PDB file of N, CA and C in Angstrom:
ATOM      1  N   MET A   1     105.931   7.055  70.258  1.00  0.00           N
ATOM      2  CA  MET A   1     106.020   7.283  71.673  1.00  0.00           C
ATOM      3  C   MET A   1     105.746   8.752  71.952  1.00  0.00           C
ATOM      4  N   ILE A   2     104.856   9.009  72.848  1.00  0.00           N
ATOM      5  CA  ILE A   2     104.517  10.380  73.216  1.00  0.00           C
ATOM      6  C   ILE A   2     105.309  10.744  74.464  1.00  0.00           C
ATOM      7  N   ILE A   3     106.016  11.841  74.375  1.00  0.00           N
ATOM      8  CA  ILE A   3     106.799  12.321  75.501  1.00  0.00           C
ATOM      9  C   ILE A   3     105.993  13.415  76.182  1.00  0.00           C
ATOM     10  N   PRO A   4     105.669  13.225  77.470  1.00  0.00           N
ATOM     11  CA  PRO A   4     104.852  14.240  78.146  1.00  0.00           C
ATOM     12  C   PRO A   4     105.634  15.524  78.358  1.00  0.00           C
ATOM     13  N   HIS A   5     104.893  16.626  78.369  1.00  0.00           N
ATOM     14  CA  HIS A   5     105.506  17.923  78.647  1.00  0.00           C
ATOM     15  C   HIS A   5     105.811  18.003  80.136  1.00  0.00           C
ATOM     16  N   PRO A   6     106.895  18.657  80.506  1.00  0.00           N
ATOM     17  CA  PRO A   6     107.167  18.842  81.933  1.00  0.00           C
ATOM     18  C   PRO A   6     106.108  19.755  82.534  1.00  0.00           C
ATOM     19  N   PRO A   7     105.886  19.654  83.833  1.00  0.00           N
ATOM     20  CA  PRO A   7     104.879  20.524  84.456  1.00  0.00           C
ATOM     21  C   PRO A   7     105.290  21.988  84.348  1.00  0.00           C
ATOM     22  N   ALA A   8     104.305  22.844  84.256  1.00  0.00           N
ATOM     23  CA  ALA A   8     104.566  24.284  84.173  1.00  0.00           C
ATOM     24  C   ALA A   8     105.108  24.776  85.511  1.00  0.00           C
ATOM     25  N   PRO A   9     106.059  25.705  85.465  1.00  0.00           N
ATOM     26  CA  PRO A   9     106.584  26.229  86.730  1.00  0.00           C
ATOM     27  C   PRO A   9     105.533  27.069  87.447  1.00  0.00           C
ATOM     28  N   ALA A  10     105.709  27.202  88.739  1.00  0.00           N
ATOM     29  CA  ALA A  10     104.797  28.019  89.531  1.00  0.00           C
ATOM     30  C   ALA A  10     104.890  29.467  89.077  1.00  0.00           C
ATOM     31  N   PRO A  11     103.817  30.226  89.229  1.00  0.00           N
ATOM     32  CA  PRO A  11     103.857  31.642  88.842  1.00  0.00           C
ATOM     33  C   PRO A  11     104.994  32.376  89.552  1.00  0.00           C
ATOM     34  N   GLY A  12     105.706  33.192  88.817  1.00  0.00           N
ATOM     35  CA  GLY A  12     106.800  33.958  89.365  1.00  0.00           C
ATOM     36  C   GLY A  12     108.138  33.245  89.362  1.00  0.00           C
ATOM     37  N   VAL A  13     108.127  31.944  89.061  1.00  0.00           N
ATOM     38  CA  VAL A  13     109.380  31.181  89.016  1.00  0.00           C
ATOM     39  C   VAL A  13     109.949  31.304  87.612  1.00  0.00           C
ATOM     40  N   PRO A  14     111.185  31.768  87.458  1.00  0.00           N
ATOM     41  CA  PRO A  14     111.755  31.921  86.118  1.00  0.00           C
ATOM     42  C   PRO A  14     111.940  30.560  85.438  1.00  0.00           C
ATOM     43  N   ILE A  15     111.730  30.554  84.136  1.00  0.00           N
ATOM     44  CA  ILE A  15     111.922  29.340  83.337  1.00  0.00           C
ATOM     45  C   ILE A  15     113.386  29.285  82.925  1.00  0.00           C
ATOM     46  N   PRO A  16     114.088  28.197  83.272  1.00  0.00           N
ATOM     47  CA  PRO A  16     115.498  28.121  82.879  1.00  0.00           C
ATOM     48  C   PRO A  16     115.630  28.030  81.360  1.00  0.00           C
ATOM     49  N   ARG A  17     116.577  28.753  80.813  1.00  0.00           N
ATOM     50  CA  ARG A  17     116.839  28.747  79.373  1.00  0.00           C
ATOM     51  C   ARG A  17     118.061  27.883  79.115  1.00  0.00           C
ATOM     52  N   THR A  18     117.918  26.949  78.219  1.00  0.00           N
ATOM     53  CA  THR A  18     119.024  26.070  77.866  1.00  0.00           C
ATOM     54  C   THR A  18     119.336  26.283  76.399  1.00  0.00           C
ATOM     55  N   ALA A  19     120.592  26.464  76.085  1.00  0.00           N
ATOM     56  CA  ALA A  19     121.007  26.675  74.698  1.00  0.00           C
ATOM     57  C   ALA A  19     120.756  25.412  73.888  1.00  0.00           C
ATOM     58  N   LEU A  20     120.261  25.600  72.676  1.00  0.00           N
ATOM     59  CA  LEU A  20     120.039  24.473  71.780  1.00  0.00           C
ATOM     60  C   LEU A  20     121.325  23.704  71.548  1.00  0.00           C
ATOM     61  N   SER A  21     122.446  24.388  71.582  1.00  0.00           N
ATOM     62  CA  SER A  21     123.731  23.740  71.333  1.00  0.00           C
ATOM     63  C   SER A  21     124.052  22.663  72.370  1.00  0.00           C
ATOM     64  N   SER A  22     123.439  22.722  73.536  1.00  0.00           N
ATOM     65  CA  SER A  22     123.706  21.689  74.538  1.00  0.00           C
ATOM     66  C   SER A  22     123.022  20.375  74.205  1.00  0.00           C
ATOM     67  N   PHE A  23     122.108  20.371  73.234  1.00  0.00           N
ATOM     68  CA  PHE A  23     121.386  19.160  72.859  1.00  0.00           C
ATOM     69  C   PHE A  23     121.885  18.535  71.561  1.00  0.00           C
ATOM     70  N   VAL A  24     122.777  19.200  70.856  1.00  0.00           N
ATOM     71  CA  VAL A  24     123.258  18.691  69.574  1.00  0.00           C
ATOM     72  C   VAL A  24     124.770  18.525  69.615  1.00  0.00           C
ATOM     73  N   GLN A  25     125.264  17.630  68.766  1.00  0.00           N
ATOM     74  CA  GLN A  25     126.687  17.340  68.755  1.00  0.00           C
ATOM     75  C   GLN A  25     127.416  18.005  67.601  1.00  0.00           C
ATOM     76  N   THR A  26     126.690  18.546  66.647  1.00  0.00           N
ATOM     77  CA  THR A  26     127.319  19.180  65.495  1.00  0.00           C
ATOM     78  C   THR A  26     126.784  20.595  65.344  1.00  0.00           C
ATOM     79  N   ASN A  27     127.314  21.305  64.401  1.00  0.00           N
ATOM     80  CA  ASN A  27     126.865  22.663  64.129  1.00  0.00           C
ATOM     81  C   ASN A  27     126.142  22.716  62.785  1.00  0.00           C
ATOM     82  N   ASP A  28     125.304  21.741  62.520  1.00  0.00           N
ATOM     83  CA  ASP A  28     124.562  21.674  61.263  1.00  0.00           C
ATOM     84  C   ASP A  28     123.212  22.362  61.432  1.00  0.00           C
ATOM     85  N   ASP A  29     123.238  23.687  61.334  1.00  0.00           N
ATOM     86  CA  ASP A  29     122.030  24.470  61.575  1.00  0.00           C
ATOM     87  C   ASP A  29     120.891  24.101  60.644  1.00  0.00           C
ATOM     88  N   ALA A  30     121.179  23.732  59.402  1.00  0.00           N
ATOM     89  CA  ALA A  30     120.122  23.382  58.453  1.00  0.00           C
ATOM     90  C   ALA A  30     119.326  22.179  58.949  1.00  0.00           C
ATOM     91  N   GLU A  31     120.017  21.157  59.419  1.00  0.00           N
ATOM     92  CA  GLU A  31     119.325  19.981  59.926  1.00  0.00           C
ATOM     93  C   GLU A  31     118.516  20.310  61.172  1.00  0.00           C
ATOM     94  N   ILE A  32     119.071  21.140  62.033  1.00  0.00           N
ATOM     95  CA  ILE A  32     118.359  21.525  63.254  1.00  0.00           C
ATOM     96  C   ILE A  32     117.092  22.296  62.918  1.00  0.00           C
ATOM     97  N   LEU A  33     117.206  23.273  62.031  1.00  0.00           N
ATOM     98  CA  LEU A  33     116.036  24.057  61.639  1.00  0.00           C
ATOM     99  C   LEU A  33     114.979  23.202  60.961  1.00  0.00           C
ATOM    100  N   TRP A  34     115.412  22.302  60.087  1.00  0.00           N
ATOM    101  CA  TRP A  34     114.444  21.451  59.399  1.00  0.00           C
ATOM    102  C   TRP A  34     113.762  20.503  60.387  1.00  0.00           C
ATOM    103  N   THR A  35     114.519  19.962  61.335  1.00  0.00           N
ATOM    104  CA  THR A  35     113.936  19.082  62.345  1.00  0.00           C
ATOM    105  C   THR A  35     112.918  19.837  63.188  1.00  0.00           C
ATOM    106  N   MET A  36     113.238  21.070  63.547  1.00  0.00           N
ATOM    107  CA  MET A  36     112.286  21.877  64.303  1.00  0.00           C
ATOM    108  C   MET A  36     111.028  22.140  63.482  1.00  0.00           C
ATOM    109  N   GLN A  37     111.176  22.350  62.179  1.00  0.00           N
ATOM    110  CA  GLN A  37     110.022  22.533  61.297  1.00  0.00           C
ATOM    111  C   GLN A  37     109.167  21.271  61.272  1.00  0.00           C
ATOM    112  N   LEU A  38     109.804  20.109  61.181  1.00  0.00           N
ATOM    113  CA  LEU A  38     109.060  18.847  61.180  1.00  0.00           C
ATOM    114  C   LEU A  38     108.268  18.679  62.468  1.00  0.00           C
ATOM    115  N   ILE A  39     108.895  19.006  63.581  1.00  0.00           N
ATOM    116  CA  ILE A  39     108.243  18.851  64.872  1.00  0.00           C
ATOM    117  C   ILE A  39     107.048  19.783  65.000  1.00  0.00           C
ATOM    118  N   THR A  40     107.223  21.039  64.622  1.00  0.00           N
ATOM    119  CA  THR A  40     106.135  22.006  64.799  1.00  0.00           C
ATOM    120  C   THR A  40     104.982  21.766  63.838  1.00  0.00           C
ATOM    121  N   THR A  41     105.225  21.101  62.715  1.00  0.00           N
ATOM    122  CA  THR A  41     104.143  20.811  61.766  1.00  0.00           C
ATOM    123  C   THR A  41     103.667  19.364  61.858  1.00  0.00           C
ATOM    124  N   HIS A  42     104.203  18.625  62.833  1.00  0.00           N
ATOM    125  CA  HIS A  42     103.821  17.226  63.056  1.00  0.00           C
ATOM    126  C   HIS A  42     104.068  16.366  61.829  1.00  0.00           C
ATOM    127  N   SER A  43     105.124  16.675  61.099  1.00  0.00           N
ATOM    128  CA  SER A  43     105.518  15.861  59.943  1.00  0.00           C
ATOM    129  C   SER A  43     106.408  14.723  60.425  1.00  0.00           C
ATOM    130  N   SER A  44     106.571  13.734  59.577  1.00  0.00           N
ATOM    131  CA  SER A  44     107.437  12.618  59.939  1.00  0.00           C
ATOM    132  C   SER A  44     108.751  12.703  59.170  1.00  0.00           C
ATOM    133  N   TYR A  45     109.771  12.050  59.707  1.00  0.00           N
ATOM    134  CA  TYR A  45     111.040  11.961  58.980  1.00  0.00           C
ATOM    135  C   TYR A  45     110.826  11.204  57.670  1.00  0.00           C
ATOM    136  N   LYS A  46     109.991  10.174  57.719  1.00  0.00           N
ATOM    137  CA  LYS A  46     109.739   9.357  56.525  1.00  0.00           C
ATOM    138  C   LYS A  46     109.156  10.225  55.399  1.00  0.00           C
ATOM    139  N   SER A  47     108.259  11.135  55.732  1.00  0.00           N
ATOM    140  CA  SER A  47     107.648  11.969  54.695  1.00  0.00           C
ATOM    141  C   SER A  47     108.627  12.968  54.098  1.00  0.00           C
ATOM    142  N   ASN A  48     109.773  13.159  54.727  1.00  0.00           N
ATOM    143  CA  ASN A  48     110.785  14.093  54.237  1.00  0.00           C
ATOM    144  C   ASN A  48     112.076  13.393  53.835  1.00  0.00           C
ATOM    145  N   GLU A  49     111.996  12.094  53.641  1.00  0.00           N
ATOM    146  CA  GLU A  49     113.201  11.302  53.435  1.00  0.00           C
ATOM    147  C   GLU A  49     114.036  11.740  52.229  1.00  0.00           C
ATOM    148  N   ASN A  50     113.415  12.175  51.164  1.00  0.00           N
ATOM    149  CA  ASN A  50     114.165  12.559  49.968  1.00  0.00           C
ATOM    150  C   ASN A  50     114.201  14.068  49.752  1.00  0.00           C
ATOM    151  N   ILE A  51     113.887  14.820  50.776  1.00  0.00           N
ATOM    152  CA  ILE A  51     113.869  16.279  50.639  1.00  0.00           C
ATOM    153  C   ILE A  51     115.260  16.824  50.317  1.00  0.00           C
ATOM    154  N   SER A  52     116.300  16.111  50.731  1.00  0.00           N
ATOM    155  CA  SER A  52     117.660  16.589  50.453  1.00  0.00           C
ATOM    156  C   SER A  52     117.920  16.649  48.947  1.00  0.00           C
ATOM    157  N   LYS A  53     117.329  15.736  48.195  1.00  0.00           N
ATOM    158  CA  LYS A  53     117.489  15.772  46.728  1.00  0.00           C
ATOM    159  C   LYS A  53     116.858  17.044  46.163  1.00  0.00           C
ATOM    160  N   LEU A  54     115.704  17.400  46.686  1.00  0.00           N
ATOM    161  CA  LEU A  54     115.030  18.621  46.244  1.00  0.00           C
ATOM    162  C   LEU A  54     115.861  19.856  46.599  1.00  0.00           C
ATOM    163  N   PHE A  55     116.393  19.901  47.819  1.00  0.00           N
ATOM    164  CA  PHE A  55     117.210  21.044  48.228  1.00  0.00           C
ATOM    165  C   PHE A  55     118.458  21.174  47.354  1.00  0.00           C
ATOM    166  N   LYS A  56     119.055  20.067  46.974  1.00  0.00           N
ATOM    167  CA  LYS A  56     120.244  20.111  46.106  1.00  0.00           C
ATOM    168  C   LYS A  56     119.897  20.665  44.735  1.00  0.00           C
ATOM    169  N   LEU A  57     118.704  20.346  44.233  1.00  0.00           N
ATOM    170  CA  LEU A  57     118.257  20.906  42.946  1.00  0.00           C
ATOM    171  C   LEU A  57     117.908  22.388  43.085  1.00  0.00           C
ATOM    172  N   MET A  58     117.291  22.748  44.191  1.00  0.00           N
ATOM    173  CA  MET A  58     116.886  24.130  44.405  1.00  0.00           C
ATOM    174  C   MET A  58     118.082  25.054  44.645  1.00  0.00           C
ATOM    175  N   PHE A  59     119.090  24.527  45.351  1.00  0.00           N
ATOM    176  CA  PHE A  59     120.251  25.321  45.735  1.00  0.00           C
ATOM    177  C   PHE A  59     121.533  24.606  45.316  1.00  0.00           C
ATOM    178  N   PRO A  60     121.800  24.526  44.005  1.00  0.00           N
ATOM    179  CA  PRO A  60     122.918  23.705  43.515  1.00  0.00           C
ATOM    180  C   PRO A  60     124.296  24.170  43.977  1.00  0.00           C
ATOM    181  N   PHE A  61     124.449  25.411  44.352  1.00  0.00           N
ATOM    182  CA  PHE A  61     125.756  25.915  44.750  1.00  0.00           C
ATOM    183  C   PHE A  61     125.915  26.014  46.271  1.00  0.00           C
ATOM    184  N   SER A  62     124.935  25.542  46.999  1.00  0.00           N
ATOM    185  CA  SER A  62     124.956  25.640  48.452  1.00  0.00           C
ATOM    186  C   SER A  62     125.651  24.433  49.082  1.00  0.00           C
ATOM    187  N   GLN A  63     126.648  24.704  49.883  1.00  0.00           N
ATOM    188  CA  GLN A  63     127.321  23.618  50.607  1.00  0.00           C
ATOM    189  C   GLN A  63     126.390  23.027  51.666  1.00  0.00           C
ATOM    190  N   ILE A  64     125.534  23.858  52.228  1.00  0.00           N
ATOM    191  CA  ILE A  64     124.575  23.367  53.223  1.00  0.00           C
ATOM    192  C   ILE A  64     123.610  22.382  52.560  1.00  0.00           C
ATOM    193  N   ALA A  65     123.063  22.743  51.397  1.00  0.00           N
ATOM    194  CA  ALA A  65     122.141  21.845  50.705  1.00  0.00           C
ATOM    195  C   ALA A  65     122.830  20.545  50.311  1.00  0.00           C
ATOM    196  N   ASN A  66     124.091  20.609  49.948  1.00  0.00           N
ATOM    197  CA  ASN A  66     124.816  19.396  49.570  1.00  0.00           C
ATOM    198  C   ASN A  66     125.054  18.466  50.753  1.00  0.00           C
ATOM    199  N   ARG A  67     125.111  19.009  51.961  1.00  0.00           N
ATOM    200  CA  ARG A  67     125.341  18.185  53.152  1.00  0.00           C
ATOM    201  C   ARG A  67     124.050  17.810  53.865  1.00  0.00           C
ATOM    202  N   PHE A  68     122.950  18.474  53.534  1.00  0.00           N
ATOM    203  CA  PHE A  68     121.690  18.273  54.243  1.00  0.00           C
ATOM    204  C   PHE A  68     121.208  16.843  54.093  1.00  0.00           C
ATOM    205  N   ALA A  69     120.742  16.256  55.190  1.00  0.00           N
ATOM    206  CA  ALA A  69     120.203  14.899  55.173  1.00  0.00           C
ATOM    207  C   ALA A  69     119.041  14.819  56.131  1.00  0.00           C
ATOM    208  N   CYS A  70     117.981  14.136  55.730  1.00  0.00           N
ATOM    209  CA  CYS A  70     116.832  13.967  56.573  1.00  0.00           C
ATOM    210  C   CYS A  70     116.130  12.689  56.144  1.00  0.00           C
ATOM    211  N   GLY A  71     115.807  11.837  57.092  1.00  0.00           N
ATOM    212  CA  GLY A  71     115.118  10.603  56.757  1.00  0.00           C
ATOM    213  C   GLY A  71     114.776   9.831  58.001  1.00  0.00           C
ATOM    214  N   GLU A  72     114.008   8.798  57.811  1.00  0.00           N
ATOM    215  CA  GLU A  72     113.561   7.986  58.936  1.00  0.00           C
ATOM    216  C   GLU A  72     114.721   7.267  59.615  1.00  0.00           C
ATOM    217  N   ARG A  73     115.699   6.836  58.841  1.00  0.00           N
ATOM    218  CA  ARG A  73     116.796   6.039  59.406  1.00  0.00           C
ATOM    219  C   ARG A  73     118.152   6.582  58.993  1.00  0.00           C
ATOM    220  N   LEU A  74     118.524   7.727  59.486  1.00  0.00           N
ATOM    221  CA  LEU A  74     119.825   8.306  59.188  1.00  0.00           C
ATOM    222  C   LEU A  74     120.789   8.087  60.304  1.00  0.00           C
TER     223      LEU A  74
END
């Protein structure tokens, strides 16, 4: 599903800034950053489904890596 971009504001009209925290229910910055990376590179959740296993191997002592989850159906 393609979500259209909202129309651009008229020149001189300030763009309202909304905190990212108003769109998320947790404080899991790793998941938020990774999701933003997926969006900006047009990757899919499915293509990153097992990335958490790689992060756990790369960062064995990281609590963030141990909690990180990403997949098509989480």
